């Protein structure tokens, strides 16, 4: 799947990924922490209902828990929200 097709996305695999929301895309070089340390891989694209995680390279891919989804949403907000200009 191409990242440009989606408005909101948190994707990471092995050594690189992206956080994308509000027209802002941020490159990731370490796995996002979804509550238990950085993950090996994740695919979170809420607009099409995809929410999968692979915590470690040796673990199977599984559906994200509600807590992991909340963490992913928090990461997206934190990384893609521009701070307001102070006047």
PDB file of N, CA and C in Angstrom:
ATOM      1  N   UNK A   1       0.846  -1.192   0.000  1.00  0.00           N
ATOM      2  CA  UNK A   1       0.000   0.000   0.000  1.00  0.00           C
ATOM      3  C   UNK A   1       0.884   1.245   0.000  1.00  0.00           C
ATOM      4  N   UNK A   2       0.520   2.203  -0.778  1.00  0.00           N
ATOM      5  CA  UNK A   2       1.258   3.444  -0.855  1.00  0.00           C
ATOM      6  C   UNK A   2       0.776   4.411   0.213  1.00  0.00           C
ATOM      7  N   UNK A   3       1.715   5.026   0.909  1.00  0.00           N
ATOM      8  CA  UNK A   3       1.375   5.959   1.982  1.00  0.00           C
ATOM      9  C   UNK A   3       0.541   7.141   1.493  1.00  0.00           C
ATOM     10  N   UNK A   4       0.747   7.559   0.264  1.00  0.00           N
ATOM     11  CA  UNK A   4       0.041   8.734  -0.248  1.00  0.00           C
ATOM     12  C   UNK A   4      -1.464   8.513  -0.394  1.00  0.00           C
ATOM     13  N   UNK A   5      -1.907   7.279  -0.394  1.00  0.00           N
ATOM     14  CA  UNK A   5      -3.338   6.994  -0.534  1.00  0.00           C
ATOM     15  C   UNK A   5      -4.130   7.291   0.738  1.00  0.00           C
ATOM     16  N   UNK A   6      -3.449   7.433   1.871  1.00  0.00           N
ATOM     17  CA  UNK A   6      -4.137   7.503   3.160  1.00  0.00           C
ATOM     18  C   UNK A   6      -3.861   8.809   3.882  1.00  0.00           C
ATOM     19  N   UNK A   7      -4.892   9.294   4.558  1.00  0.00           N
ATOM     20  CA  UNK A   7      -4.822  10.552   5.302  1.00  0.00           C
ATOM     21  C   UNK A   7      -4.120  10.349   6.647  1.00  0.00           C
ATOM     22  N   UNK A   8      -4.379   9.219   7.288  1.00  0.00           N
ATOM     23  CA  UNK A   8      -3.810   8.921   8.604  1.00  0.00           C
ATOM     24  C   UNK A   8      -3.161   7.552   8.562  1.00  0.00           C
ATOM     25  N   UNK A   9      -1.899   7.508   9.028  1.00  0.00           N
ATOM     26  CA  UNK A   9      -1.198   6.233   8.968  1.00  0.00           C
ATOM     27  C   UNK A   9      -0.010   6.227   9.917  1.00  0.00           C
ATOM     28  N   UNK A  10       0.182   5.117  10.601  1.00  0.00           N
ATOM     29  CA  UNK A  10       1.387   4.862  11.381  1.00  0.00           C
ATOM     30  C   UNK A  10       1.901   3.517  10.892  1.00  0.00           C
ATOM     31  N   UNK A  11       3.043   3.553  10.231  1.00  0.00           N
ATOM     32  CA  UNK A  11       3.589   2.342   9.624  1.00  0.00           C
ATOM     33  C   UNK A  11       5.058   2.236   9.980  1.00  0.00           C
ATOM     34  N   UNK A  12       5.467   1.055  10.400  1.00  0.00           N
ATOM     35  CA  UNK A  12       6.872   0.823  10.705  1.00  0.00           C
ATOM     36  C   UNK A  12       7.190  -0.635  10.421  1.00  0.00           C
ATOM     37  N   UNK A  13       8.388  -0.868   9.875  1.00  0.00           N
ATOM     38  CA  UNK A  13       8.805  -2.242   9.596  1.00  0.00           C
ATOM     39  C   UNK A  13      10.322  -2.324   9.706  1.00  0.00           C
ATOM     40  N   UNK A  14      10.788  -2.998  10.721  1.00  0.00           N
ATOM     41  CA  UNK A  14      12.218  -3.243  10.875  1.00  0.00           C
ATOM     42  C   UNK A  14      13.056  -2.041  11.245  1.00  0.00           C
ATOM     43  N   UNK A  15      13.279  -1.146  10.291  1.00  0.00           N
ATOM     44  CA  UNK A  15      14.188  -0.025  10.536  1.00  0.00           C
ATOM     45  C   UNK A  15      13.696   1.326  10.022  1.00  0.00           C
ATOM     46  N   UNK A  16      12.495   1.368   9.483  1.00  0.00           N
ATOM     47  CA  UNK A  16      11.993   2.659   8.988  1.00  0.00           C
ATOM     48  C   UNK A  16      10.469   2.637   8.915  1.00  0.00           C
ATOM     49  N   UNK A  17       9.900   3.826   8.884  1.00  0.00           N
ATOM     50  CA  UNK A  17       8.454   3.941   8.782  1.00  0.00           C
ATOM     51  C   UNK A  17       8.025   5.386   8.726  1.00  0.00           C
ATOM     52  N   UNK A  18       6.720   5.617   8.902  1.00  0.00           N
ATOM     53  CA  UNK A  18       6.183   6.972   8.863  1.00  0.00           C
ATOM     54  C   UNK A  18       5.048   7.126   9.873  1.00  0.00           C
ATOM     55  N   UNK A  19       4.859   8.370  10.261  1.00  0.00           N
ATOM     56  CA  UNK A  19       3.666   8.790  10.991  1.00  0.00           C
ATOM     57  C   UNK A  19       3.057   9.881  10.121  1.00  0.00           C
ATOM     58  N   UNK A  20       1.770   9.750   9.787  1.00  0.00           N
ATOM     59  CA  UNK A  20       1.146  10.694   8.856  1.00  0.00           C
ATOM     60  C   UNK A  20      -0.240  11.068   9.349  1.00  0.00           C
ATOM     61  N   UNK A  21      -0.481  12.378   9.459  1.00  0.00           N
ATOM     62  CA  UNK A  21      -1.799  12.891   9.826  1.00  0.00           C
ATOM     63  C   UNK A  21      -1.824  14.395   9.574  1.00  0.00           C
ATOM     64  N   UNK A  22      -2.997  14.940   9.255  1.00  0.00           N
ATOM     65  CA  UNK A  22      -3.166  16.387   9.019  1.00  0.00           C
ATOM     66  C   UNK A  22      -2.251  16.912   7.915  1.00  0.00           C
ATOM     67  N   UNK A  23      -1.943  16.072   6.928  1.00  0.00           N
ATOM     68  CA  UNK A  23      -1.092  16.516   5.827  1.00  0.00           C
ATOM     69  C   UNK A  23       0.380  16.579   6.182  1.00  0.00           C
ATOM     70  N   UNK A  24       0.744  16.124   7.348  1.00  0.00           N
ATOM     71  CA  UNK A  24       2.140  16.133   7.791  1.00  0.00           C
ATOM     72  C   UNK A  24       2.623  14.689   7.868  1.00  0.00           C
ATOM     73  N   UNK A  25       3.768  14.428   7.256  1.00  0.00           N
ATOM     74  CA  UNK A  25       4.376  13.109   7.301  1.00  0.00           C
ATOM     75  C   UNK A  25       5.730  13.219   7.983  1.00  0.00           C
ATOM     76  N   UNK A  26       5.951  12.368   8.974  1.00  0.00           N
ATOM     77  CA  UNK A  26       7.207  12.344   9.726  1.00  0.00           C
ATOM     78  C   UNK A  26       7.838  10.969   9.535  1.00  0.00           C
ATOM     79  N   UNK A  27       9.113  10.945   9.185  1.00  0.00           N
ATOM     80  CA  UNK A  27       9.837   9.681   9.044  1.00  0.00           C
ATOM     81  C   UNK A  27      10.184   9.124  10.411  1.00  0.00           C
ATOM     82  N   UNK A  28      10.126   7.807  10.532  1.00  0.00           N
ATOM     83  CA  UNK A  28      10.485   7.131  11.775  1.00  0.00           C
ATOM     84  C   UNK A  28      11.695   6.239  11.517  1.00  0.00           C
ATOM     85  N   UNK A  29      12.671   6.282  12.435  1.00  0.00           N
ATOM     86  CA  UNK A  29      13.842   5.417  12.324  1.00  0.00           C
ATOM     87  C   UNK A  29      13.889   4.388  13.449  1.00  0.00           C
ATOM     88  N   UNK A  30      13.001   4.539  14.428  1.00  0.00           N
ATOM     89  CA  UNK A  30      12.842   3.534  15.471  1.00  0.00           C
ATOM     90  C   UNK A  30      11.360   3.197  15.581  1.00  0.00           C
ATOM     91  N   UNK A  31      11.085   2.004  16.032  1.00  0.00           N
ATOM     92  CA  UNK A  31       9.696   1.570  16.154  1.00  0.00           C
ATOM     93  C   UNK A  31       8.940   2.392  17.169  1.00  0.00           C
ATOM     94  N   UNK A  32       7.679   2.699  16.892  1.00  0.00           N
ATOM     95  CA  UNK A  32       6.880   3.447  17.851  1.00  0.00           C
ATOM     96  C   UNK A  32       6.619   2.614  19.103  1.00  0.00           C
ATOM     97  N   UNK A  33       6.569   3.270  20.242  1.00  0.00           N
ATOM     98  CA  UNK A  33       6.276   2.596  21.507  1.00  0.00           C
ATOM     99  C   UNK A  33       4.766   2.554  21.683  1.00  0.00           C
ATOM    100  N   UNK A  34       4.201   1.377  21.544  1.00  0.00           N
ATOM    101  CA  UNK A  34       2.756   1.206  21.686  1.00  0.00           C
ATOM    102  C   UNK A  34       2.387   0.694  23.070  1.00  0.00           C
ATOM    103  N   UNK A  35       3.248   1.011  24.054  1.00  0.00           N
ATOM    104  CA  UNK A  35       2.937   0.689  25.437  1.00  0.00           C
ATOM    105  C   UNK A  35       3.883  -0.274  26.110  1.00  0.00           C
ATOM    106  N   UNK A  36       4.651  -1.022  25.321  1.00  0.00           N
ATOM    107  CA  UNK A  36       5.546  -2.027  25.887  1.00  0.00           C
ATOM    108  C   UNK A  36       6.934  -1.924  25.265  1.00  0.00           C
ATOM    109  N   UNK A  37       7.322  -0.720  24.886  1.00  0.00           N
ATOM    110  CA  UNK A  37       8.592  -0.512  24.205  1.00  0.00           C
ATOM    111  C   UNK A  37       8.402  -0.459  22.702  1.00  0.00           C
ATOM    112  N   UNK A  38       9.455  -0.084  21.981  1.00  0.00           N
ATOM    113  CA  UNK A  38       9.362   0.021  20.524  1.00  0.00           C
ATOM    114  C   UNK A  38       8.989  -1.319  19.876  1.00  0.00           C
ATOM    115  N   UNK A  39       8.122  -1.261  18.905  1.00  0.00           N
ATOM    116  CA  UNK A  39       7.695  -2.470  18.199  1.00  0.00           C
ATOM    117  C   UNK A  39       8.591  -2.726  16.993  1.00  0.00           C
ATOM    118  N   UNK A  40       8.630  -3.975  16.550  1.00  0.00           N
ATOM    119  CA  UNK A  40       9.388  -4.347  15.355  1.00  0.00           C
ATOM    120  C   UNK A  40       8.656  -3.878  14.099  1.00  0.00           C
ATOM    121  N   UNK A  41       7.318  -4.017  14.111  1.00  0.00           N
ATOM    122  CA  UNK A  41       6.537  -3.623  12.938  1.00  0.00           C
ATOM    123  C   UNK A  41       5.111  -3.286  13.360  1.00  0.00           C
ATOM    124  N   UNK A  42       4.522  -2.342  12.660  1.00  0.00           N
ATOM    125  CA  UNK A  42       3.104  -2.042  12.862  1.00  0.00           C
ATOM    126  C   UNK A  42       2.533  -1.448  11.592  1.00  0.00           C
ATOM    127  N   UNK A  43       1.258  -1.631  11.439  1.00  0.00           N
ATOM    128  CA  UNK A  43       0.499  -1.086  10.305  1.00  0.00           C
ATOM    129  C   UNK A  43      -0.812  -0.595  10.883  1.00  0.00           C
ATOM    130  N   UNK A  44      -0.930   0.718  11.027  1.00  0.00           N
ATOM    131  CA  UNK A  44      -2.141   1.314  11.581  1.00  0.00           C
ATOM    132  C   UNK A  44      -2.668   2.330  10.579  1.00  0.00           C
ATOM    133  N   UNK A  45      -3.752   1.967   9.922  1.00  0.00           N
ATOM    134  CA  UNK A  45      -4.393   2.830   8.934  1.00  0.00           C
ATOM    135  C   UNK A  45      -5.883   2.813   9.262  1.00  0.00           C
ATOM    136  N   UNK A  46      -6.319   3.681  10.183  1.00  0.00           N
ATOM    137  CA  UNK A  46      -7.688   3.602  10.689  1.00  0.00           C
ATOM    138  C   UNK A  46      -8.779   3.813   9.655  1.00  0.00           C
ATOM    139  N   UNK A  47      -8.514   4.581   8.622  1.00  0.00           N
ATOM    140  CA  UNK A  47      -9.578   4.851   7.653  1.00  0.00           C
ATOM    141  C   UNK A  47      -9.994   3.616   6.858  1.00  0.00           C
ATOM    142  N   UNK A  48      -9.163   2.571   6.845  1.00  0.00           N
ATOM    143  CA  UNK A  48      -9.553   1.320   6.180  1.00  0.00           C
ATOM    144  C   UNK A  48      -9.629   0.163   7.183  1.00  0.00           C
ATOM    145  N   UNK A  49      -9.526   0.480   8.468  1.00  0.00           N
ATOM    146  CA  UNK A  49      -9.698  -0.532   9.506  1.00  0.00           C
ATOM    147  C   UNK A  49      -8.523  -1.463   9.720  1.00  0.00           C
ATOM    148  N   UNK A  50      -7.318  -1.036   9.357  1.00  0.00           N
ATOM    149  CA  UNK A  50      -6.135  -1.864   9.563  1.00  0.00           C
ATOM    150  C   UNK A  50      -5.443  -1.438  10.854  1.00  0.00           C
ATOM    151  N   UNK A  51      -5.211  -2.400  11.749  1.00  0.00           N
ATOM    152  CA  UNK A  51      -4.520  -2.136  13.012  1.00  0.00           C
ATOM    153  C   UNK A  51      -3.808  -3.414  13.427  1.00  0.00           C
ATOM    154  N   UNK A  52      -2.575  -3.572  12.949  1.00  0.00           N
ATOM    155  CA  UNK A  52      -1.814  -4.777  13.236  1.00  0.00           C
ATOM    156  C   UNK A  52      -0.447  -4.413  13.788  1.00  0.00           C
ATOM    157  N   UNK A  53       0.091  -5.307  14.613  1.00  0.00           N
ATOM    158  CA  UNK A  53       1.386  -5.062  15.233  1.00  0.00           C
ATOM    159  C   UNK A  53       2.177  -6.366  15.300  1.00  0.00           C
ATOM    160  N   UNK A  54       3.479  -6.235  15.245  1.00  0.00           N
ATOM    161  CA  UNK A  54       4.413  -7.344  15.476  1.00  0.00           C
ATOM    162  C   UNK A  54       5.400  -6.815  16.510  1.00  0.00           C
ATOM    163  N   UNK A  55       5.183  -7.142  17.791  1.00  0.00           N
ATOM    164  CA  UNK A  55       6.008  -6.556  18.849  1.00  0.00           C
ATOM    165  C   UNK A  55       7.513  -6.804  18.694  1.00  0.00           C
ATOM    166  N   UNK A  56       7.905  -8.029  18.359  1.00  0.00           N
ATOM    167  CA  UNK A  56       9.312  -8.377  18.152  1.00  0.00           C
ATOM    168  C   UNK A  56       9.431  -9.132  16.836  1.00  0.00           C
ATOM    169  N   UNK A  57      10.625  -9.179  16.285  1.00  0.00           N
ATOM    170  CA  UNK A  57      10.834  -9.858  15.001  1.00  0.00           C
ATOM    171  C   UNK A  57      10.422 -11.322  15.056  1.00  0.00           C
ATOM    172  N   UNK A  58      10.529 -11.949  16.222  1.00  0.00           N
ATOM    173  CA  UNK A  58      10.196 -13.375  16.349  1.00  0.00           C
ATOM    174  C   UNK A  58       8.714 -13.611  16.623  1.00  0.00           C
ATOM    175  N   UNK A  59       7.959 -12.552  16.887  1.00  0.00           N
ATOM    176  CA  UNK A  59       6.533 -12.677  17.193  1.00  0.00           C
ATOM    177  C   UNK A  59       5.697 -12.692  15.914  1.00  0.00           C
ATOM    178  N   UNK A  60       4.550 -13.360  15.942  1.00  0.00           N
ATOM    179  CA  UNK A  60       3.645 -13.292  14.787  1.00  0.00           C
ATOM    180  C   UNK A  60       2.924 -11.939  14.754  1.00  0.00           C
ATOM    181  N   UNK A  61       2.479 -11.559  13.587  1.00  0.00           N
ATOM    182  CA  UNK A  61       1.665 -10.345  13.441  1.00  0.00           C
ATOM    183  C   UNK A  61       0.302 -10.630  14.068  1.00  0.00           C
ATOM    184  N   UNK A  62      -0.230  -9.642  14.802  1.00  0.00           N
ATOM    185  CA  UNK A  62      -1.535  -9.795  15.441  1.00  0.00           C
ATOM    186  C   UNK A  62      -2.274  -8.470  15.397  1.00  0.00           C
ATOM    187  N   UNK A  63      -3.579  -8.522  15.686  1.00  0.00           N
ATOM    188  CA  UNK A  63      -4.369  -7.298  15.771  1.00  0.00           C
ATOM    189  C   UNK A  63      -3.929  -6.487  16.990  1.00  0.00           C
ATOM    190  N   UNK A  64      -3.937  -5.171  16.834  1.00  0.00           N
ATOM    191  CA  UNK A  64      -3.586  -4.287  17.947  1.00  0.00           C
ATOM    192  C   UNK A  64      -4.702  -4.306  18.993  1.00  0.00           C
ATOM    193  N   UNK A  65      -4.311  -4.158  20.246  1.00  0.00           N
ATOM    194  CA  UNK A  65      -5.289  -4.035  21.324  1.00  0.00           C
ATOM    195  C   UNK A  65      -5.837  -2.615  21.343  1.00  0.00           C
ATOM    196  N   UNK A  66      -6.904  -2.398  22.089  1.00  0.00           N
ATOM    197  CA  UNK A  66      -7.444  -1.032  22.229  1.00  0.00           C
ATOM    198  C   UNK A  66      -6.398  -0.089  22.800  1.00  0.00           C
ATOM    199  N   UNK A  67      -5.632  -0.586  23.777  1.00  0.00           N
ATOM    200  CA  UNK A  67      -4.581   0.244  24.381  1.00  0.00           C
ATOM    201  C   UNK A  67      -3.527   0.620  23.344  1.00  0.00           C
ATOM    202  N   UNK A  68      -3.099  -0.323  22.513  1.00  0.00           N
ATOM    203  CA  UNK A  68      -2.106  -0.033  21.482  1.00  0.00           C
ATOM    204  C   UNK A  68      -2.647   0.955  20.457  1.00  0.00           C
ATOM    205  N   UNK A  69      -3.921   0.847  20.133  1.00  0.00           N
ATOM    206  CA  UNK A  69      -4.547   1.802  19.212  1.00  0.00           C
ATOM    207  C   UNK A  69      -4.556   3.197  19.833  1.00  0.00           C
ATOM    208  N   UNK A  70      -4.873   3.294  21.107  1.00  0.00           N
ATOM    209  CA  UNK A  70      -4.850   4.594  21.807  1.00  0.00           C
ATOM    210  C   UNK A  70      -3.431   5.167  21.801  1.00  0.00           C
ATOM    211  N   UNK A  71      -2.437   4.317  22.010  1.00  0.00           N
ATOM    212  CA  UNK A  71      -1.041   4.770  21.960  1.00  0.00           C
ATOM    213  C   UNK A  71      -0.685   5.259  20.554  1.00  0.00           C
ATOM    214  N   UNK A  72      -1.111   4.527  19.528  1.00  0.00           N
ATOM    215  CA  UNK A  72      -0.841   4.917  18.146  1.00  0.00           C
ATOM    216  C   UNK A  72      -1.484   6.271  17.836  1.00  0.00           C
ATOM    217  N   UNK A  73      -2.725   6.474  18.275  1.00  0.00           N
ATOM    218  CA  UNK A  73      -3.393   7.765  18.067  1.00  0.00           C
ATOM    219  C   UNK A  73      -2.633   8.889  18.767  1.00  0.00           C
ATOM    220  N   UNK A  74      -2.168   8.624  19.971  1.00  0.00           N
ATOM    221  CA  UNK A  74      -1.415   9.619  20.730  1.00  0.00           C
ATOM    222  C   UNK A  74      -0.099   9.968  20.026  1.00  0.00           C
ATOM    223  N   UNK A  75       0.591   8.964  19.525  1.00  0.00           N
ATOM    224  CA  UNK A  75       1.839   9.185  18.793  1.00  0.00           C
ATOM    225  C   UNK A  75       1.583  10.028  17.551  1.00  0.00           C
ATOM    226  N   UNK A  76       0.537   9.703  16.817  1.00  0.00           N
ATOM    227  CA  UNK A  76       0.207  10.475  15.616  1.00  0.00           C
ATOM    228  C   UNK A  76      -0.081  11.926  15.951  1.00  0.00           C
ATOM    229  N   UNK A  77      -0.866  12.162  17.003  1.00  0.00           N
ATOM    230  CA  UNK A  77      -1.159  13.549  17.399  1.00  0.00           C
ATOM    231  C   UNK A  77       0.111  14.288  17.803  1.00  0.00           C
ATOM    232  N   UNK A  78       0.947  13.634  18.585  1.00  0.00           N
ATOM    233  CA  UNK A  78       2.162  14.277  19.090  1.00  0.00           C
ATOM    234  C   UNK A  78       3.140  14.598  17.962  1.00  0.00           C
ATOM    235  N   UNK A  79       3.326  13.690  17.024  1.00  0.00           N
ATOM    236  CA  UNK A  79       4.313  13.878  15.963  1.00  0.00           C
ATOM    237  C   UNK A  79       3.842  14.769  14.824  1.00  0.00           C
ATOM    238  N   UNK A  80       2.549  14.876  14.622  1.00  0.00           N
ATOM    239  CA  UNK A  80       2.073  15.586  13.433  1.00  0.00           C
ATOM    240  C   UNK A  80       1.323  16.880  13.741  1.00  0.00           C
ATOM    241  N   UNK A  81       1.279  17.275  14.987  1.00  0.00           N
ATOM    242  CA  UNK A  81       0.602  18.520  15.332  1.00  0.00           C
ATOM    243  C   UNK A  81       1.643  19.630  15.461  1.00  0.00           C
ATOM    244  N   UNK A  82       1.447  20.656  14.677  1.00  0.00           N
ATOM    245  CA  UNK A  82       2.358  21.798  14.719  1.00  0.00           C
ATOM    246  C   UNK A  82       2.070  22.620  15.964  1.00  0.00           C
ATOM    247  N   UNK A  83       3.103  23.031  16.684  1.00  0.00           N
ATOM    248  CA  UNK A  83       2.866  23.901  17.832  1.00  0.00           C
ATOM    249  C   UNK A  83       2.345  25.258  17.367  1.00  0.00           C
ATOM    250  N   UNK A  84       1.452  25.825  18.159  1.00  0.00           N
ATOM    251  CA  UNK A  84       0.915  27.135  17.789  1.00  0.00           C
ATOM    252  C   UNK A  84       1.992  28.196  17.901  1.00  0.00           C
ATOM    253  N   UNK A  85       1.920  29.153  17.006  1.00  0.00           N
ATOM    254  CA  UNK A  85       2.862  30.262  17.035  1.00  0.00           C
ATOM    255  C   UNK A  85       2.497  31.165  18.206  1.00  0.00           C
ATOM    256  N   UNK A  86       3.488  31.472  19.029  1.00  0.00           N
ATOM    257  CA  UNK A  86       3.229  32.345  20.176  1.00  0.00           C
ATOM    258  C   UNK A  86       3.264  33.796  19.722  1.00  0.00           C
ATOM    259  N   UNK A  87       2.329  34.564  20.252  1.00  0.00           N
ATOM    260  CA  UNK A  87       2.259  35.988  19.870  1.00  0.00           C
ATOM    261  C   UNK A  87       2.737  36.845  20.999  1.00  0.00           C
TER     262      UNK A  87
END
